[in-house]
Amino acid sequence: MKPVLEFDNIHRAYKAGEDVLAGVTFSLREGEVLGLLGRNGAGKSTLIRIAMGLIVPHQGTVRVFGAEPTGDPVGVRRRIGYVAEDQVLPPAATIAELIAFHKMLFPKWDSTIEADLLDRFSLSRGEKIRNLSKGQARQVALLCALCHRPELLILDEPAGGLDPAARREFLEASIQLLNREGSAILFSSHHMGDVERLGGRIILLDQGKVALDDDLDNLREGISLAFLPASSGRQQTIAAMPGCLRVHEANGELHAIFRGAPDSVSARLYAATGGAAIRCGQAPLEELFVEMVGGRR
């Protein structure tokens, strides 16, 4: 399958000498779902704005459908659906007026999907945007992003601030589009449950780089978290072991993340540390996220 989105050695800074993105490289292929994780300031929204052509990288290249997003902005944007947490809709417009505007922008607008989503979300065409709840406004934004059947759907923290039921409804609509149309989805969120519901592949950004890139199933089954007593030189020994993703000290204890099953990781750590007391098990996605990026100054 061809990549619909490619980042190659992307660097971007807002202050001289302080890269928000420092050499990010990955691609997204047709029909693939990718969950983009990272703490606040990790560069998730910056990367998405680069993909949308809203800002440009200071180094590296980005390709969307094989083209630079700033080279053919209209042609590229017509193939993308985009919803962001801070997206602002015109408050004085009605839902019908907003739909009519998007129909002019997107020749492939599908009125059947439009009717389905209006019914699913219980939205009235004559309602003004200013009178909608936050969740309803986000649903309208999603409708406008989905009805032209985009080949690439980009969701940047789209369900932030919504209650769990509204988030689930939002995500299920996105998933159904993927299943029906085969769209690729790039999804950024702080809600681990949302990412697990949508994501087939996870990329974790940390300190401006890709710290982790793997399928969700592999992360669930093939990553172990071990705890063992800290001692002089032990952290460096563990960090140098094959398969170690990160090791750090907290409250006199070492936390080590490894690729591999818990029994195998425990045996290797036991041998490398001369018989240290070790607790090791599989790490849930949220705990893995915290352990990979937590504790940094």
C-alpha atoms as a PDB file:
ATOM      1  CA  MET A   1       0.000   0.000   0.000  1.00  0.00           C
ATOM      2  CA  LYS A   2       1.155   3.516  -0.796  1.00  0.00           C
ATOM      3  CA  PRO A   3       1.879   5.983   2.003  1.00  0.00           C
ATOM      4  CA  VAL A   4      -0.665   8.791   2.199  1.00  0.00           C
ATOM      5  CA  LEU A   5       1.443  10.755   4.680  1.00  0.00           C
ATOM      6  CA  GLU A   6       5.229  10.799   5.053  1.00  0.00           C
ATOM      7  CA  PHE A   7       7.428  12.681   7.521  1.00  0.00           C
ATOM      8  CA  ASP A   8      11.175  12.553   6.881  1.00  0.00           C
ATOM      9  CA  ASN A   9      13.597  14.018   9.461  1.00  0.00           C
ATOM     10  CA  ILE A  10      11.205  16.783  10.521  1.00  0.00           C
ATOM     11  CA  HIS A  11      12.655  19.559  12.657  1.00  0.00           C
ATOM     12  CA  ARG A  12      10.648  22.501  13.933  1.00  0.00           C
ATOM     13  CA  ALA A  13      11.371  25.103  16.623  1.00  0.00           C
ATOM     14  CA  TYR A  14       9.523  28.123  17.969  1.00  0.00           C
ATOM     15  CA  LYS A  15      12.585  29.434  19.814  1.00  0.00           C
ATOM     16  CA  ALA A  16      16.141  29.322  18.499  1.00  0.00           C
ATOM     17  CA  GLY A  17      17.943  26.232  19.717  1.00  0.00           C
ATOM     18  CA  GLU A  18      14.816  24.649  21.226  1.00  0.00           C
ATOM     19  CA  ASP A  19      13.448  22.062  18.794  1.00  0.00           C
ATOM     20  CA  VAL A  20       9.880  20.973  19.411  1.00  0.00           C
ATOM     21  CA  LEU A  21      10.438  18.321  16.753  1.00  0.00           C
ATOM     22  CA  ALA A  22      13.980  17.001  16.352  1.00  0.00           C
ATOM     23  CA  GLY A  23      14.188  14.517  13.503  1.00  0.00           C
ATOM     24  CA  VAL A  24      10.745  12.882  13.357  1.00  0.00           C
ATOM     25  CA  THR A  25      10.392  10.222  10.658  1.00  0.00           C
ATOM     26  CA  PHE A  26       7.432   7.926   9.998  1.00  0.00           C
ATOM     27  CA  SER A  27       4.745   7.273   7.405  1.00  0.00           C
ATOM     28  CA  LEU A  28       1.039   6.426   7.353  1.00  0.00           C
ATOM     29  CA  ARG A  29      -0.340   4.061   4.708  1.00  0.00           C
ATOM     30  CA  GLU A  30      -3.728   3.661   3.052  1.00  0.00           C
ATOM     31  CA  GLY A  31      -6.367   2.365   5.468  1.00  0.00           C
ATOM     32  CA  GLU A  32      -4.016   2.506   8.468  1.00  0.00           C
ATOM     33  CA  VAL A  33      -5.029   3.954  11.843  1.00  0.00           C
ATOM     34  CA  LEU A  34      -2.272   5.613  13.836  1.00  0.00           C
ATOM     35  CA  GLY A  35      -2.588   6.918  17.389  1.00  0.00           C
ATOM     36  CA  LEU A  36      -0.172   9.768  18.138  1.00  0.00           C
ATOM     37  CA  LEU A  37       0.769  10.029  21.812  1.00  0.00           C
ATOM     38  CA  GLY A  38       2.940  12.398  23.808  1.00  0.00           C
ATOM     39  CA  ARG A  39       2.767  14.707  26.781  1.00  0.00           C
ATOM     40  CA  ASN A  40       1.857  18.388  26.399  1.00  0.00           C
ATOM     41  CA  GLY A  41       4.502  20.133  24.311  1.00  0.00           C
ATOM     42  CA  ALA A  42       5.762  16.904  22.721  1.00  0.00           C
ATOM     43  CA  GLY A  43       5.023  18.269  19.251  1.00  0.00           C
ATOM     44  CA  LYS A  44       1.855  16.362  18.303  1.00  0.00           C
ATOM     45  CA  SER A  45      -0.138  19.410  17.191  1.00  0.00           C
ATOM     46  CA  THR A  46       2.934  20.932  15.538  1.00  0.00           C
ATOM     47  CA  LEU A  47       3.390  17.764  13.480  1.00  0.00           C
ATOM     48  CA  ILE A  48      -0.274  17.774  12.472  1.00  0.00           C
ATOM     49  CA  ARG A  49      -0.136  21.452  11.470  1.00  0.00           C
ATOM     50  CA  ILE A  50       2.868  20.625   9.290  1.00  0.00           C
ATOM     51  CA  ALA A  51       0.875  17.825   7.638  1.00  0.00           C
ATOM     52  CA  MET A  52      -1.978  20.255   6.995  1.00  0.00           C
ATOM     53  CA  GLY A  53       0.374  22.820   5.445  1.00  0.00           C
ATOM     54  CA  LEU A  54      -0.494  25.368   8.142  1.00  0.00           C
ATOM     55  CA  ILE A  55       3.182  25.695   9.098  1.00  0.00           C
ATOM     56  CA  VAL A  56       6.379  24.453   7.449  1.00  0.00           C
ATOM     57  CA  PRO A  57       9.255  22.447   8.944  1.00  0.00           C
ATOM     58  CA  HIS A  58      12.603  24.128   9.443  1.00  0.00           C
ATOM     59  CA  GLN A  59      14.288  20.958   8.223  1.00  0.00           C
ATOM     60  CA  GLY A  60      13.099  17.758   6.585  1.00  0.00           C
ATOM     61  CA  THR A  61      10.275  17.011   4.179  1.00  0.00           C
ATOM     62  CA  VAL A  62       6.593  16.144   4.437  1.00  0.00           C
ATOM     63  CA  ARG A  63       4.534  14.505   1.697  1.00  0.00           C
ATOM     64  CA  VAL A  64       0.752  14.137   1.641  1.00  0.00           C
ATOM     65  CA  PHE A  65      -0.446  11.892  -1.191  1.00  0.00           C
ATOM     66  CA  GLY A  66       3.053  12.278  -2.596  1.00  0.00           C
ATOM     67  CA  ALA A  67       2.908  16.102  -2.741  1.00  0.00           C
ATOM     68  CA  GLU A  68       4.073  18.915  -0.509  1.00  0.00           C
ATOM     69  CA  PRO A  69       1.002  20.219   1.361  1.00  0.00           C
ATOM     70  CA  THR A  70       2.040  23.823   0.676  1.00  0.00           C
ATOM     71  CA  GLY A  71       2.683  23.125  -3.023  1.00  0.00           C
ATOM     72  CA  ASP A  72      -0.917  22.241  -3.893  1.00  0.00           C
ATOM     73  CA  PRO A  73      -2.880  23.295  -0.800  1.00  0.00           C
ATOM     74  CA  VAL A  74      -6.340  23.129  -2.377  1.00  0.00           C
ATOM     75  CA  GLY A  75      -5.800  19.761  -4.038  1.00  0.00           C
ATOM     76  CA  VAL A  76      -4.323  18.239  -0.885  1.00  0.00           C
ATOM     77  CA  ARG A  77      -6.894  19.680   1.531  1.00  0.00           C
ATOM     78  CA  ARG A  78      -9.799  18.393  -0.570  1.00  0.00           C
ATOM     79  CA  ARG A  79      -8.616  14.855   0.198  1.00  0.00           C
ATOM     80  CA  ILE A  80      -8.270  15.444   3.970  1.00  0.00           C
ATOM     81  CA  GLY A  81     -10.798  15.607   6.789  1.00  0.00           C
ATOM     82  CA  TYR A  82      -9.590  17.576   9.820  1.00  0.00           C
ATOM     83  CA  VAL A  83     -10.974  18.097  13.325  1.00  0.00           C
ATOM     84  CA  ALA A  84      -9.061  19.790  16.157  1.00  0.00           C
ATOM     85  CA  GLU A  85      -9.877  20.515  19.797  1.00  0.00           C
ATOM     86  CA  ASP A  86      -9.403  24.267  19.316  1.00  0.00           C
ATOM     87  CA  GLN A  87     -11.314  24.366  16.023  1.00  0.00           C
ATOM     88  CA  VAL A  88     -13.659  27.361  15.878  1.00  0.00           C
ATOM     89  CA  LEU A  89     -16.876  27.291  13.836  1.00  0.00           C
ATOM     90  CA  PRO A  90     -18.624  30.548  12.825  1.00  0.00           C
ATOM     91  CA  PRO A  91     -21.048  31.162  15.730  1.00  0.00           C
ATOM     92  CA  ALA A  92     -23.637  33.103  13.693  1.00  0.00           C
ATOM     93  CA  ALA A  93     -23.992  30.411  11.008  1.00  0.00           C
ATOM     94  CA  THR A  94     -26.602  27.696  11.086  1.00  0.00           C
ATOM     95  CA  ILE A  95     -25.657  24.063  10.620  1.00  0.00           C
ATOM     96  CA  ALA A  96     -27.309  24.151   7.181  1.00  0.00           C
ATOM     97  CA  GLU A  97     -25.255  27.199   6.153  1.00  0.00           C
ATOM     98  CA  LEU A  98     -22.052  25.550   7.300  1.00  0.00           C
ATOM     99  CA  ILE A  99     -22.912  22.398   5.362  1.00  0.00           C
ATOM    100  CA  ALA A 100     -23.697  24.438   2.228  1.00  0.00           C
ATOM    101  CA  PHE A 101     -20.322  26.171   2.531  1.00  0.00           C
ATOM    102  CA  HIS A 102     -18.475  22.857   2.782  1.00  0.00           C
ATOM    103  CA  LYS A 103     -20.397  21.445  -0.166  1.00  0.00           C
ATOM    104  CA  MET A 104     -18.919  24.239  -2.283  1.00  0.00           C
ATOM    105  CA  LEU A 105     -15.414  23.416  -1.045  1.00  0.00           C
ATOM    106  CA  PHE A 106     -15.642  19.652  -1.511  1.00  0.00           C
ATOM    107  CA  PRO A 107     -17.032  18.371  -4.836  1.00  0.00           C
ATOM    108  CA  LYS A 108     -17.221  14.791  -3.499  1.00  0.00           C
ATOM    109  CA  TRP A 109     -19.645  15.699  -0.714  1.00  0.00           C
ATOM    110  CA  ASP A 110     -21.885  12.737   0.139  1.00  0.00           C
ATOM    111  CA  SER A 111     -25.414  13.790   1.121  1.00  0.00           C
ATOM    112  CA  THR A 112     -26.202  10.283   2.368  1.00  0.00           C
ATOM    113  CA  ILE A 113     -23.432  10.437   4.969  1.00  0.00           C
ATOM    114  CA  GLU A 114     -24.609  13.959   5.832  1.00  0.00           C
ATOM    115  CA  ALA A 115     -28.169  12.773   6.502  1.00  0.00           C
ATOM    116  CA  ASP A 116     -26.934   9.742   8.474  1.00  0.00           C
ATOM    117  CA  LEU A 117     -24.735  11.856  10.749  1.00  0.00           C
ATOM    118  CA  LEU A 118     -27.370  14.552  11.301  1.00  0.00           C
ATOM    119  CA  ASP A 119     -29.759  11.831  12.394  1.00  0.00           C
ATOM    120  CA  ARG A 120     -27.164   9.977  14.452  1.00  0.00           C
ATOM    121  CA  PHE A 121     -26.148  13.130  16.330  1.00  0.00           C
ATOM    122  CA  SER A 122     -29.741  14.484  16.533  1.00  0.00           C
ATOM    123  CA  LEU A 123     -28.653  17.789  14.987  1.00  0.00           C
ATOM    124  CA  SER A 124     -31.147  20.293  13.589  1.00  0.00           C
ATOM    125  CA  ARG A 125     -30.128  21.977  10.339  1.00  0.00           C
ATOM    126  CA  GLY A 126     -31.599  25.318  11.419  1.00  0.00           C
ATOM    127  CA  GLU A 127     -29.732  25.512  14.741  1.00  0.00           C
ATOM    128  CA  LYS A 128     -27.081  28.222  15.033  1.00  0.00           C
ATOM    129  CA  ILE A 129     -23.574  27.168  16.021  1.00  0.00           C
ATOM    130  CA  ARG A 130     -23.605  29.570  18.986  1.00  0.00           C
ATOM    131  CA  ASN A 131     -26.503  27.649  20.538  1.00  0.00           C
ATOM    132  CA  LEU A 132     -24.804  24.250  20.407  1.00  0.00           C
ATOM    133  CA  SER A 133     -23.098  22.533  23.316  1.00  0.00           C
ATOM    134  CA  LYS A 134     -19.372  21.849  23.042  1.00  0.00           C
ATOM    135  CA  GLY A 135     -20.091  18.238  22.171  1.00  0.00           C
ATOM    136  CA  GLN A 136     -22.618  19.169  19.493  1.00  0.00           C
ATOM    137  CA  ALA A 137     -20.209  21.694  17.936  1.00  0.00           C
ATOM    138  CA  ARG A 138     -17.555  18.967  17.794  1.00  0.00           C
ATOM    139  CA  GLN A 139     -20.068  16.670  16.117  1.00  0.00           C
ATOM    140  CA  VAL A 140     -20.777  19.319  13.481  1.00  0.00           C
ATOM    141  CA  ALA A 141     -17.042  19.679  12.874  1.00  0.00           C
ATOM    142  CA  LEU A 142     -16.749  15.910  12.458  1.00  0.00           C
ATOM    143  CA  LEU A 143     -19.695  15.880  10.043  1.00  0.00           C
ATOM    144  CA  CYS A 144     -17.976  18.530   7.917  1.00  0.00           C
ATOM    145  CA  ALA A 145     -14.767  16.487   7.998  1.00  0.00           C
ATOM    146  CA  LEU A 146     -16.383  13.164   7.058  1.00  0.00           C
ATOM    147  CA  CYS A 147     -19.033  13.935   4.448  1.00  0.00           C
ATOM    148  CA  HIS A 148     -16.602  14.449   1.580  1.00  0.00           C
ATOM    149  CA  ARG A 149     -15.248  10.927   2.235  1.00  0.00           C
ATOM    150  CA  PRO A 150     -11.643  11.956   2.892  1.00  0.00           C
ATOM    151  CA  GLU A 151      -8.796   9.617   2.075  1.00  0.00           C
ATOM    152  CA  LEU A 152      -6.999  10.881   5.175  1.00  0.00           C
ATOM    153  CA  LEU A 153      -8.772  11.842   8.403  1.00  0.00           C
ATOM    154  CA  ILE A 154      -6.694  13.877  10.877  1.00  0.00           C
ATOM    155  CA  LEU A 155      -8.050  14.211  14.419  1.00  0.00           C
ATOM    156  CA  ASP A 156      -6.048  16.461  16.775  1.00  0.00           C
ATOM    157  CA  GLU A 157      -7.353  15.969  20.318  1.00  0.00           C
ATOM    158  CA  PRO A 158     -10.869  16.128  18.847  1.00  0.00           C
ATOM    159  CA  ALA A 159     -12.723  14.727  21.854  1.00  0.00           C
ATOM    160  CA  GLY A 160     -11.026  16.838  24.523  1.00  0.00           C
ATOM    161  CA  GLY A 161     -13.493  18.099  27.095  1.00  0.00           C
ATOM    162  CA  LEU A 162     -16.297  15.776  25.994  1.00  0.00           C
ATOM    163  CA  ASP A 163     -17.993  13.378  28.395  1.00  0.00           C
ATOM    164  CA  PRO A 164     -17.313   9.640  27.911  1.00  0.00           C
ATOM    165  CA  ALA A 165     -20.588   8.972  26.067  1.00  0.00           C
ATOM    166  CA  ALA A 166     -19.987  11.850  23.622  1.00  0.00           C
ATOM    167  CA  ARG A 167     -16.384  10.727  23.071  1.00  0.00           C
ATOM    168  CA  ARG A 168     -17.507   7.187  22.300  1.00  0.00           C
ATOM    169  CA  GLU A 169     -20.141   8.395  19.825  1.00  0.00           C
ATOM    170  CA  PHE A 170     -17.552  10.635  18.169  1.00  0.00           C
ATOM    171  CA  LEU A 171     -15.033   7.827  17.836  1.00  0.00           C
ATOM    172  CA  GLU A 172     -17.525   5.261  16.615  1.00  0.00           C
ATOM    173  CA  ALA A 173     -18.533   7.591  13.778  1.00  0.00           C
ATOM    174  CA  SER A 174     -14.861   7.922  12.815  1.00  0.00           C
ATOM    175  CA  ILE A 175     -14.292   4.164  12.979  1.00  0.00           C
ATOM    176  CA  GLN A 176     -17.309   3.483  10.798  1.00  0.00           C
ATOM    177  CA  LEU A 177     -15.963   5.850   8.154  1.00  0.00           C
ATOM    178  CA  LEU A 178     -12.676   3.938   8.189  1.00  0.00           C
ATOM    179  CA  ASN A 179     -14.418   0.606   7.798  1.00  0.00           C
ATOM    180  CA  ARG A 180     -16.667   1.846   4.999  1.00  0.00           C
ATOM    181  CA  GLU A 181     -14.287   4.031   3.019  1.00  0.00           C
ATOM    182  CA  GLY A 182     -10.844   2.641   3.873  1.00  0.00           C
ATOM    183  CA  SER A 183      -9.606   6.054   5.002  1.00  0.00           C
ATOM    184  CA  ALA A 184      -6.294   6.429   6.800  1.00  0.00           C
ATOM    185  CA  ILE A 185      -6.625   8.047  10.240  1.00  0.00           C
ATOM    186  CA  LEU A 186      -4.035  10.017  12.208  1.00  0.00           C
ATOM    187  CA  PHE A 187      -5.416  10.470  15.713  1.00  0.00           C
ATOM    188  CA  SER A 188      -3.885  12.484  18.551  1.00  0.00           C
ATOM    189  CA  SER A 189      -5.322  12.197  22.053  1.00  0.00           C
ATOM    190  CA  HIS A 190      -4.520  12.241  25.769  1.00  0.00           C
ATOM    191  CA  HIS A 191      -7.269   9.679  26.461  1.00  0.00           C
ATOM    192  CA  MET A 192      -5.674   6.241  26.384  1.00  0.00           C
ATOM    193  CA  GLY A 193      -9.073   4.575  26.017  1.00  0.00           C
ATOM    194  CA  ASP A 194      -9.752   6.625  22.894  1.00  0.00           C
ATOM    195  CA  VAL A 195      -6.424   5.654  21.373  1.00  0.00           C
ATOM    196  CA  GLU A 196      -6.969   1.974  22.169  1.00  0.00           C
ATOM    197  CA  ARG A 197     -10.453   2.138  20.628  1.00  0.00           C
ATOM    198  CA  LEU A 198      -9.180   3.700  17.386  1.00  0.00           C
ATOM    199  CA  GLY A 199      -5.539   2.892  17.013  1.00  0.00           C
ATOM    200  CA  GLY A 200      -4.009  -0.024  15.139  1.00  0.00           C
ATOM    201  CA  ARG A 201      -0.535   1.486  15.515  1.00  0.00           C
ATOM    202  CA  ILE A 202       0.929   3.760  18.162  1.00  0.00           C
ATOM    203  CA  ILE A 203       3.643   6.400  17.857  1.00  0.00           C
ATOM    204  CA  LEU A 204       4.923   8.009  21.037  1.00  0.00           C
ATOM    205  CA  LEU A 205       6.686  11.366  20.751  1.00  0.00           C
ATOM    206  CA  ASP A 206       9.104  12.350  23.504  1.00  0.00           C
ATOM    207  CA  GLN A 207      11.655  15.157  23.556  1.00  0.00           C
ATOM    208  CA  GLY A 208      10.969  15.895  19.908  1.00  0.00           C
ATOM    209  CA  LYS A 209      11.667  12.361  18.677  1.00  0.00           C
ATOM    210  CA  VAL A 210       9.802   9.129  18.016  1.00  0.00           C
ATOM    211  CA  ALA A 211      10.334   7.159  21.230  1.00  0.00           C
ATOM    212  CA  LEU A 212       8.082   4.250  20.264  1.00  0.00           C
ATOM    213  CA  ASP A 213       6.493   3.042  17.017  1.00  0.00           C
ATOM    214  CA  ASP A 214       4.629  -0.266  17.102  1.00  0.00           C
ATOM    215  CA  ASP A 215       1.300  -1.990  16.560  1.00  0.00           C
ATOM    216  CA  LEU A 216      -1.091  -1.773  19.484  1.00  0.00           C
ATOM    217  CA  ASP A 217      -1.257  -5.571  19.838  1.00  0.00           C
ATOM    218  CA  ASN A 218       2.538  -5.778  20.061  1.00  0.00           C
ATOM    219  CA  LEU A 219       2.568  -3.123  22.768  1.00  0.00           C
ATOM    220  CA  ARG A 220      -0.089  -4.954  24.752  1.00  0.00           C
ATOM    221  CA  GLU A 221       1.651  -8.331  24.564  1.00  0.00           C
ATOM    222  CA  GLY A 222       5.320  -7.654  23.826  1.00  0.00           C
ATOM    223  CA  ILE A 223       6.331  -4.938  26.296  1.00  0.00           C
ATOM    224  CA  SER A 224       7.253  -5.595  29.933  1.00  0.00           C
ATOM    225  CA  LEU A 225       7.735  -3.256  32.885  1.00  0.00           C
ATOM    226  CA  ALA A 226      10.217  -4.317  35.547  1.00  0.00           C
ATOM    227  CA  PHE A 227      10.954  -2.906  39.013  1.00  0.00           C
ATOM    228  CA  LEU A 228      14.175  -3.613  40.876  1.00  0.00           C
ATOM    229  CA  PRO A 229      16.306  -1.981  43.571  1.00  0.00           C
ATOM    230  CA  ALA A 230      18.586   0.868  42.490  1.00  0.00           C
ATOM    231  CA  SER A 231      22.321   0.522  43.089  1.00  0.00           C
ATOM    232  CA  SER A 232      25.540   2.079  41.840  1.00  0.00           C
ATOM    233  CA  GLY A 233      26.021   1.504  38.122  1.00  0.00           C
ATOM    234  CA  ARG A 234      22.929  -0.684  37.770  1.00  0.00           C
ATOM    235  CA  GLN A 235      20.921   1.843  35.760  1.00  0.00           C
ATOM    236  CA  GLN A 236      23.712   2.134  33.177  1.00  0.00           C
ATOM    237  CA  THR A 237      24.003  -1.660  32.976  1.00  0.00           C
ATOM    238  CA  ILE A 238      20.281  -2.067  32.316  1.00  0.00           C
ATOM    239  CA  ALA A 239      20.154   0.812  29.812  1.00  0.00           C
ATOM    240  CA  ALA A 240      22.825  -0.953  27.725  1.00  0.00           C
ATOM    241  CA  MET A 241      20.892  -4.244  27.563  1.00  0.00           C
ATOM    242  CA  PRO A 242      19.282  -5.200  24.210  1.00  0.00           C
ATOM    243  CA  GLY A 243      15.569  -4.461  24.153  1.00  0.00           C
ATOM    244  CA  CYS A 244      15.642  -1.799  26.869  1.00  0.00           C
ATOM    245  CA  LEU A 245      13.411   1.119  25.853  1.00  0.00           C
ATOM    246  CA  ARG A 246      13.929   3.225  28.946  1.00  0.00           C
ATOM    247  CA  VAL A 247      15.128   2.893  32.535  1.00  0.00           C
ATOM    248  CA  HIS A 248      14.831   5.559  35.222  1.00  0.00           C
ATOM    249  CA  GLU A 249      14.980   5.809  38.990  1.00  0.00           C
ATOM    250  CA  ALA A 250      12.036   6.745  41.208  1.00  0.00           C
ATOM    251  CA  ASN A 251      12.035   6.622  45.017  1.00  0.00           C
ATOM    252  CA  GLY A 252      15.096   4.405  45.200  1.00  0.00           C
ATOM    253  CA  GLU A 253      13.751   1.918  42.687  1.00  0.00           C
ATOM    254  CA  LEU A 254      14.575   1.377  39.020  1.00  0.00           C
ATOM    255  CA  HIS A 255      11.734   1.231  36.506  1.00  0.00           C
ATOM    256  CA  ALA A 256      12.784  -0.522  33.288  1.00  0.00           C
ATOM    257  CA  ILE A 257      10.755  -0.951  30.111  1.00  0.00           C
ATOM    258  CA  PHE A 258      11.782  -3.826  27.836  1.00  0.00           C
ATOM    259  CA  ARG A 259      10.619  -5.496  24.671  1.00  0.00           C
ATOM    260  CA  GLY A 260       9.858  -9.109  25.491  1.00  0.00           C
ATOM    261  CA  ALA A 261       7.679 -11.316  27.672  1.00  0.00           C
ATOM    262  CA  PRO A 262       7.879 -10.822  31.468  1.00  0.00           C
ATOM    263  CA  ASP A 263       9.466 -14.228  32.177  1.00  0.00           C
ATOM    264  CA  SER A 264      12.197 -13.672  29.598  1.00  0.00           C
ATOM    265  CA  VAL A 265      12.874 -10.105  30.728  1.00  0.00           C
ATOM    266  CA  SER A 266      13.005 -11.165  34.390  1.00  0.00           C
ATOM    267  CA  ALA A 267      15.533 -13.906  33.638  1.00  0.00           C
ATOM    268  CA  ARG A 268      17.774 -11.560  31.666  1.00  0.00           C
ATOM    269  CA  LEU A 269      17.648  -8.872  34.349  1.00  0.00           C
ATOM    270  CA  TYR A 270      18.338 -11.441  37.074  1.00  0.00           C
ATOM    271  CA  ALA A 271      21.448 -12.602  35.242  1.00  0.00           C
ATOM    272  CA  ALA A 272      22.651  -9.076  34.425  1.00  0.00           C
ATOM    273  CA  THR A 273      22.247  -7.755  37.972  1.00  0.00           C
ATOM    274  CA  GLY A 274      23.615 -10.735  39.870  1.00  0.00           C
ATOM    275  CA  GLY A 275      20.316 -11.887  41.317  1.00  0.00           C
ATOM    276  CA  ALA A 276      18.507  -8.661  42.195  1.00  0.00           C
ATOM    277  CA  ALA A 277      14.922  -8.887  43.434  1.00  0.00           C
ATOM    278  CA  ILE A 278      12.748  -8.200  40.379  1.00  0.00           C
ATOM    279  CA  ARG A 279       9.044  -7.645  39.830  1.00  0.00           C
ATOM    280  CA  CYS A 280       8.054  -7.798  36.165  1.00  0.00           C
ATOM    281  CA  GLY A 281       4.807  -7.848  34.224  1.00  0.00           C
ATOM    282  CA  GLN A 282       3.039  -6.548  31.130  1.00  0.00           C
ATOM    283  CA  ALA A 283       2.345  -2.826  31.085  1.00  0.00           C
ATOM    284  CA  PRO A 284      -1.086  -1.393  30.202  1.00  0.00           C
ATOM    285  CA  LEU A 285      -0.908   1.307  27.547  1.00  0.00           C
ATOM    286  CA  GLU A 286      -1.506   4.170  29.963  1.00  0.00           C
ATOM    287  CA  GLU A 287       1.167   2.943  32.386  1.00  0.00           C
ATOM    288  CA  LEU A 288       3.581   2.408  29.494  1.00  0.00           C
ATOM    289  CA  PHE A 289       2.954   5.992  28.360  1.00  0.00           C
ATOM    290  CA  VAL A 290       3.637   7.358  31.859  1.00  0.00           C
ATOM    291  CA  GLU A 291       6.791   5.289  32.288  1.00  0.00           C
ATOM    292  CA  MET A 292       8.169   6.252  28.868  1.00  0.00           C
ATOM    293  CA  VAL A 293       7.724  10.022  29.207  1.00  0.00           C
ATOM    294  CA  GLY A 294       7.305  10.664  32.935  1.00  0.00           C
ATOM    295  CA  GLY A 295       9.926  11.965  35.286  1.00  0.00           C
ATOM    296  CA  ARG A 296      11.676  14.214  32.765  1.00  0.00           C
ATOM    297  CA  ARG A 297      12.615  17.769  33.686  1.00  0.00           C
END
